[in-house]
Amino acid sequence: MMTLNQLTQQDRSNHNYRTEIPNFVLQILDPYQLAVYVHLKSIAGDYGECWCSLGTLAAKMKLGLTKLKEILKELSSFGFSLI
């Protein structure tokens, strides 16, 4: 029998293999917003923390810094916490 701690650790290890996206997100975001949201969600870790710089994120997403900032502002206006 596994302990609660072991189950928690096992569940956290699954983060390396999948990213869960709520269905409503697919209905409200445009393709650019969705791409940034999914990328942030995939690198945010188990506690929702992402420490990459905007420059790094823009380069990984192949977006200009201005476009990335615009998208992050739009995501924030939808109520997504990006701080």
Protein backbone atom coordinates (compact mmCIF):
# COMPACT_ATOMS: atom_id res chain seq x y z
CA MET A 1 0.00 0.00 0.00
CA MET A 2 1.31 3.43 -0.96
CA THR A 3 1.41 6.33 1.44
CA LEU A 4 -0.20 9.67 0.62
CA ASN A 5 3.25 11.17 0.13
CA GLN A 6 4.20 8.45 -2.36
CA LEU A 7 0.95 8.96 -4.29
CA THR A 8 1.56 12.71 -4.39
CA GLN A 9 5.10 12.22 -5.66
CA GLN A 10 3.87 9.75 -8.26
CA ASP A 11 1.21 12.19 -9.47
CA ARG A 12 3.77 15.01 -9.69
CA SER A 13 6.06 12.86 -11.81
CA ASN A 14 3.29 12.64 -14.44
CA HIS A 15 3.74 16.37 -15.12
CA ASN A 16 6.69 15.45 -17.34
CA TYR A 17 4.40 13.52 -19.66
CA ARG A 18 1.21 15.53 -19.96
CA THR A 19 -0.34 18.96 -19.61
CA GLU A 20 -4.01 19.27 -18.74
CA ILE A 21 -5.92 22.09 -20.37
CA PRO A 22 -9.45 22.97 -19.20
CA ASN A 23 -12.02 22.70 -22.02
CA PHE A 24 -13.30 26.26 -21.58
CA VAL A 25 -9.83 27.58 -22.44
CA LEU A 26 -10.14 26.07 -25.91
CA GLN A 27 -13.36 28.01 -26.44
CA ILE A 28 -12.23 31.48 -25.38
CA LEU A 29 -8.64 31.87 -26.55
CA ASP A 30 -7.41 32.68 -30.05
CA PRO A 31 -4.58 30.55 -31.49
CA TYR A 32 -1.77 32.82 -30.26
CA GLN A 33 -3.22 33.10 -26.78
CA LEU A 34 -3.77 29.36 -26.65
CA ALA A 35 -0.20 28.61 -27.75
CA VAL A 36 1.25 30.86 -25.04
CA TYR A 37 -1.15 29.51 -22.41
CA VAL A 38 -0.29 25.90 -23.23
CA HIS A 39 3.43 26.62 -23.25
CA LEU A 40 3.26 28.40 -19.88
CA LYS A 41 1.11 25.62 -18.46
CA SER A 42 3.57 22.98 -19.64
CA ILE A 43 6.59 24.64 -18.02
CA ALA A 44 4.90 25.99 -14.90
CA GLY A 45 5.58 22.91 -12.81
CA ASP A 46 3.44 21.33 -10.15
CA TYR A 47 2.99 24.56 -8.21
CA GLY A 48 2.22 26.84 -11.17
CA GLU A 49 5.54 28.65 -11.07
CA CYS A 50 7.39 29.76 -14.17
CA TRP A 51 10.67 31.62 -13.82
CA CYS A 52 11.76 32.10 -17.43
CA SER A 53 12.26 35.66 -18.65
CA LEU A 54 9.99 37.27 -21.22
CA GLY A 55 12.88 37.25 -23.68
CA THR A 56 13.41 33.52 -23.23
CA LEU A 57 9.71 32.82 -23.51
CA ALA A 58 9.40 34.97 -26.65
CA ALA A 59 12.34 33.15 -28.25
CA LYS A 60 10.93 29.72 -27.40
CA MET A 61 7.52 30.71 -28.76
CA LYS A 62 9.06 32.36 -31.84
CA LEU A 63 7.20 35.57 -31.03
CA GLY A 64 8.39 39.14 -30.81
CA LEU A 65 8.63 40.56 -27.31
CA THR A 66 5.93 43.14 -28.04
CA LYS A 67 3.51 40.47 -29.32
CA LEU A 68 4.22 38.28 -26.27
CA LYS A 69 3.52 41.15 -23.88
CA GLU A 70 0.27 41.86 -25.74
CA ILE A 71 -0.80 38.21 -25.42
CA LEU A 72 0.09 38.08 -21.72
CA LYS A 73 -1.96 41.23 -21.15
CA GLU A 74 -4.91 39.64 -22.99
CA LEU A 75 -4.60 36.44 -20.93
CA SER A 76 -4.55 38.53 -17.79
CA SER A 77 -7.74 40.32 -18.89
CA PHE A 78 -9.42 36.89 -19.09
CA GLY A 79 -8.55 36.38 -15.44
CA PHE A 80 -5.52 34.12 -15.79
CA SER A 81 -3.03 34.83 -13.02
CA LEU A 82 0.32 35.54 -14.64
CA ILE A 83 2.18 37.16 -11.76
